[in-house]
């Protein structure tokens, strides 16, 4: 589980069929004090409708992510598990 901040939305003009209807967010990993890490941002599916600049927990469990989209052949790996209440 990773602590991240939503830094943008992602739009795919061509995506795997399992991602149809999924909201994709650009996530920047953060330290506990809120400072961003030097890692590059990454994409995660979002079923919580999180907003820009909100802090979220992200899971990198690909098996669970594929279960969420109900497709064992989906390329999805990251998904938002919850929104932090600041």
N, C-alpha and C. Protein backbone atom coordinates (compact mmCIF):
# COMPACT_ATOMS: atom_id res chain seq x y z
N UNK A 1 0.85 -1.17 0.00
CA UNK A 1 0.00 0.00 0.00
C UNK A 1 0.90 1.23 0.00
N UNK A 2 0.56 2.19 -0.85
CA UNK A 2 1.35 3.40 -1.02
C UNK A 2 0.53 4.63 -0.64
N UNK A 3 1.16 5.58 0.01
CA UNK A 3 0.54 6.86 0.31
C UNK A 3 0.82 7.79 -0.85
N UNK A 4 -0.23 8.33 -1.46
CA UNK A 4 -0.07 9.15 -2.67
C UNK A 4 -0.98 10.37 -2.62
N UNK A 5 -0.71 11.28 -3.54
CA UNK A 5 -1.58 12.44 -3.75
C UNK A 5 -2.01 12.42 -5.21
N UNK A 6 -3.27 12.73 -5.45
CA UNK A 6 -3.79 12.80 -6.82
C UNK A 6 -3.26 14.09 -7.45
N UNK A 7 -2.53 13.94 -8.56
CA UNK A 7 -1.94 15.10 -9.23
C UNK A 7 -2.54 15.34 -10.61
N UNK A 8 -3.47 14.48 -11.01
CA UNK A 8 -4.11 14.68 -12.31
C UNK A 8 -5.01 13.54 -12.71
N UNK A 9 -5.69 13.72 -13.80
CA UNK A 9 -6.54 12.69 -14.39
C UNK A 9 -5.85 12.13 -15.63
N UNK A 10 -6.13 10.89 -15.94
CA UNK A 10 -5.59 10.29 -17.15
C UNK A 10 -6.74 9.95 -18.08
N UNK A 11 -6.53 10.21 -19.34
CA UNK A 11 -7.54 9.90 -20.36
C UNK A 11 -6.87 9.01 -21.40
N UNK A 12 -7.47 7.87 -21.66
CA UNK A 12 -6.92 6.95 -22.64
C UNK A 12 -7.82 6.94 -23.87
N UNK A 13 -7.27 7.29 -25.00
CA UNK A 13 -8.05 7.26 -26.23
C UNK A 13 -8.21 5.83 -26.75
N UNK A 14 -7.28 4.96 -26.34
CA UNK A 14 -7.35 3.56 -26.70
C UNK A 14 -6.92 2.77 -25.46
N UNK A 15 -7.83 1.97 -24.92
CA UNK A 15 -7.54 1.26 -23.67
C UNK A 15 -8.04 -0.18 -23.76
N UNK A 16 -7.52 -0.99 -22.87
CA UNK A 16 -7.98 -2.38 -22.77
C UNK A 16 -9.48 -2.38 -22.46
N UNK A 17 -10.26 -3.28 -23.02
CA UNK A 17 -11.71 -3.31 -22.77
C UNK A 17 -12.08 -3.41 -21.29
N UNK A 18 -11.24 -4.00 -20.47
CA UNK A 18 -11.55 -4.13 -19.04
C UNK A 18 -11.55 -2.79 -18.32
N UNK A 19 -10.95 -1.77 -18.92
CA UNK A 19 -10.88 -0.46 -18.29
C UNK A 19 -12.02 0.47 -18.72
N UNK A 20 -12.93 -0.04 -19.52
CA UNK A 20 -14.06 0.78 -19.97
C UNK A 20 -14.88 1.23 -18.76
N UNK A 21 -15.10 2.52 -18.66
CA UNK A 21 -15.88 3.08 -17.57
C UNK A 21 -15.09 3.35 -16.31
N UNK A 22 -13.81 2.98 -16.27
CA UNK A 22 -12.97 3.22 -15.09
C UNK A 22 -12.42 4.64 -15.13
N UNK A 23 -12.37 5.26 -13.98
CA UNK A 23 -11.72 6.55 -13.83
C UNK A 23 -10.25 6.29 -13.56
N UNK A 24 -9.38 6.96 -14.29
CA UNK A 24 -7.94 6.79 -14.13
C UNK A 24 -7.34 8.06 -13.55
N UNK A 25 -6.56 7.91 -12.48
CA UNK A 25 -5.95 9.06 -11.80
C UNK A 25 -4.44 8.95 -11.84
N UNK A 26 -3.78 10.09 -11.92
CA UNK A 26 -2.34 10.19 -11.87
C UNK A 26 -1.95 10.42 -10.41
N UNK A 27 -1.16 9.50 -9.86
CA UNK A 27 -0.82 9.50 -8.44
C UNK A 27 0.66 9.75 -8.23
N UNK A 28 0.98 10.66 -7.31
CA UNK A 28 2.37 10.93 -6.94
C UNK A 28 2.59 10.39 -5.53
N UNK A 29 3.56 9.52 -5.39
CA UNK A 29 3.86 8.94 -4.09
C UNK A 29 4.38 10.02 -3.14
N UNK A 30 4.02 9.91 -1.84
CA UNK A 30 4.42 10.89 -0.83
C UNK A 30 4.97 10.20 0.41
N UNK A 31 5.76 10.95 1.15
CA UNK A 31 6.19 10.53 2.48
C UNK A 31 5.05 10.82 3.45
N UNK A 32 5.15 10.32 4.68
CA UNK A 32 4.09 10.52 5.67
C UNK A 32 3.85 12.00 5.98
N UNK A 33 4.90 12.82 5.86
CA UNK A 33 4.76 14.25 6.16
C UNK A 33 4.20 15.05 4.98
N UNK A 34 3.94 14.38 3.86
CA UNK A 34 3.34 15.04 2.71
C UNK A 34 4.31 15.48 1.64
N UNK A 35 5.61 15.28 1.84
CA UNK A 35 6.57 15.65 0.81
C UNK A 35 6.60 14.58 -0.28
N UNK A 36 6.58 14.99 -1.55
CA UNK A 36 6.58 14.02 -2.63
C UNK A 36 7.93 13.30 -2.73
N UNK A 37 7.89 12.05 -3.13
CA UNK A 37 9.12 11.30 -3.37
C UNK A 37 9.66 11.66 -4.74
N UNK A 38 10.86 11.20 -5.06
CA UNK A 38 11.47 11.49 -6.36
C UNK A 38 10.98 10.54 -7.45
N UNK A 39 10.12 9.59 -7.09
CA UNK A 39 9.59 8.64 -8.07
C UNK A 39 8.64 9.33 -9.04
N UNK A 40 8.57 8.79 -10.24
CA UNK A 40 7.66 9.33 -11.25
C UNK A 40 6.21 9.02 -10.88
N UNK A 41 5.26 9.90 -11.21
CA UNK A 41 3.84 9.60 -10.98
C UNK A 41 3.42 8.38 -11.78
N UNK A 42 2.34 7.74 -11.34
CA UNK A 42 1.83 6.54 -12.01
C UNK A 42 0.31 6.58 -12.05
N UNK A 43 -0.28 5.71 -12.86
CA UNK A 43 -1.73 5.66 -13.05
C UNK A 43 -2.35 4.60 -12.14
N UNK A 44 -3.51 4.92 -11.57
CA UNK A 44 -4.28 3.95 -10.78
C UNK A 44 -5.75 4.11 -11.12
N UNK A 45 -6.49 2.99 -11.08
CA UNK A 45 -7.94 3.09 -11.29
C UNK A 45 -8.57 3.59 -10.00
N UNK A 46 -9.66 4.33 -10.15
CA UNK A 46 -10.29 5.00 -9.01
C UNK A 46 -11.79 4.76 -9.03
N UNK A 47 -12.29 4.04 -8.03
CA UNK A 47 -13.73 3.82 -7.90
C UNK A 47 -14.31 4.64 -6.75
N UNK A 48 -13.51 5.57 -6.20
CA UNK A 48 -13.96 6.41 -5.09
C UNK A 48 -14.25 7.84 -5.53
N UNK A 49 -13.99 8.14 -6.80
CA UNK A 49 -14.19 9.49 -7.32
C UNK A 49 -13.37 10.51 -6.54
N UNK A 50 -12.11 10.19 -6.29
CA UNK A 50 -11.23 11.10 -5.55
C UNK A 50 -10.92 12.32 -6.40
N UNK A 51 -10.67 13.41 -5.73
CA UNK A 51 -10.45 14.68 -6.42
C UNK A 51 -8.98 15.06 -6.48
N UNK A 52 -8.70 16.06 -7.28
CA UNK A 52 -7.36 16.59 -7.44
C UNK A 52 -6.81 17.04 -6.09
N UNK A 53 -5.58 16.69 -5.80
CA UNK A 53 -4.84 17.04 -4.59
C UNK A 53 -5.27 16.27 -3.34
N UNK A 54 -6.19 15.34 -3.44
CA UNK A 54 -6.55 14.52 -2.28
C UNK A 54 -5.48 13.47 -2.05
N UNK A 55 -5.29 13.12 -0.76
CA UNK A 55 -4.36 12.06 -0.40
C UNK A 55 -5.12 10.74 -0.40
N UNK A 56 -4.49 9.70 -0.97
CA UNK A 56 -5.14 8.40 -1.11
C UNK A 56 -4.15 7.28 -0.78
N UNK A 57 -4.69 6.11 -0.47
CA UNK A 57 -3.91 4.90 -0.37
C UNK A 57 -4.07 4.15 -1.68
N UNK A 58 -2.96 3.69 -2.24
CA UNK A 58 -2.98 2.96 -3.50
C UNK A 58 -2.38 1.57 -3.28
N UNK A 59 -3.04 0.58 -3.81
CA UNK A 59 -2.53 -0.79 -3.77
C UNK A 59 -1.90 -1.12 -5.11
N UNK A 60 -0.79 -1.87 -5.06
CA UNK A 60 -0.13 -2.33 -6.29
C UNK A 60 -0.36 -3.82 -6.50
N UNK A 61 -1.38 -4.35 -5.87
CA UNK A 61 -1.71 -5.77 -5.98
C UNK A 61 -2.48 -6.02 -7.28
N UNK A 62 -1.77 -6.50 -8.29
CA UNK A 62 -2.37 -6.70 -9.61
C UNK A 62 -3.50 -7.71 -9.62
N UNK A 63 -3.39 -8.76 -8.80
CA UNK A 63 -4.46 -9.77 -8.76
C UNK A 63 -5.75 -9.15 -8.24
N UNK A 64 -5.65 -8.35 -7.18
CA UNK A 64 -6.84 -7.67 -6.64
C UNK A 64 -7.39 -6.67 -7.65
N UNK A 65 -6.50 -5.94 -8.34
CA UNK A 65 -6.95 -4.97 -9.34
C UNK A 65 -7.70 -5.66 -10.47
N UNK A 66 -7.19 -6.80 -10.91
CA UNK A 66 -7.88 -7.54 -11.98
C UNK A 66 -9.22 -8.08 -11.49
N UNK A 67 -9.31 -8.38 -10.20
CA UNK A 67 -10.59 -8.79 -9.63
C UNK A 67 -11.60 -7.66 -9.63
N UNK A 68 -11.14 -6.44 -9.40
CA UNK A 68 -12.02 -5.28 -9.39
C UNK A 68 -12.63 -5.04 -10.76
N UNK A 69 -11.80 -5.19 -11.81
CA UNK A 69 -12.32 -4.98 -13.17
C UNK A 69 -12.90 -6.26 -13.76
N UNK A 70 -12.85 -7.34 -13.00
CA UNK A 70 -13.44 -8.63 -13.37
C UNK A 70 -12.91 -9.16 -14.70
N UNK A 71 -11.56 -9.11 -14.85
CA UNK A 71 -10.93 -9.62 -16.06
C UNK A 71 -9.52 -10.08 -15.69
N UNK A 72 -9.30 -11.38 -15.69
CA UNK A 72 -7.99 -11.91 -15.28
C UNK A 72 -6.88 -11.61 -16.29
N UNK A 73 -7.22 -11.11 -17.46
CA UNK A 73 -6.22 -10.77 -18.48
C UNK A 73 -6.00 -9.26 -18.60
N UNK A 74 -6.60 -8.49 -17.70
CA UNK A 74 -6.46 -7.05 -17.74
C UNK A 74 -5.02 -6.64 -17.39
N UNK A 75 -4.51 -5.57 -18.01
CA UNK A 75 -3.17 -5.10 -17.70
C UNK A 75 -3.11 -4.22 -16.44
N UNK A 76 -4.23 -4.00 -15.79
CA UNK A 76 -4.28 -3.11 -14.64
C UNK A 76 -3.49 -3.69 -13.46
N UNK A 77 -2.81 -2.81 -12.73
CA UNK A 77 -2.06 -3.26 -11.56
C UNK A 77 -2.36 -2.41 -10.32
N UNK A 78 -2.56 -1.11 -10.47
CA UNK A 78 -2.73 -0.19 -9.34
C UNK A 78 -4.18 0.25 -9.21
N UNK A 79 -4.63 0.33 -7.95
CA UNK A 79 -5.98 0.85 -7.72
C UNK A 79 -6.02 1.60 -6.40
N UNK A 80 -6.88 2.60 -6.34
CA UNK A 80 -7.03 3.39 -5.12
C UNK A 80 -7.90 2.61 -4.14
N UNK A 81 -7.35 2.41 -2.92
CA UNK A 81 -8.05 1.66 -1.89
C UNK A 81 -8.89 2.56 -1.01
N UNK A 82 -8.52 3.81 -0.87
CA UNK A 82 -9.28 4.70 -0.01
C UNK A 82 -8.74 6.11 -0.05
N UNK A 83 -9.55 7.04 0.43
CA UNK A 83 -9.18 8.45 0.51
C UNK A 83 -8.88 8.79 1.96
N UNK A 84 -7.77 9.50 2.20
CA UNK A 84 -7.41 9.90 3.56
C UNK A 84 -8.25 11.09 3.96
N UNK A 85 -8.69 11.09 5.16
CA UNK A 85 -9.47 12.22 5.70
C UNK A 85 -8.51 13.15 6.40
N UNK A 86 -8.12 14.21 5.68
CA UNK A 86 -7.17 15.18 6.27
C UNK A 86 -7.92 16.03 7.22
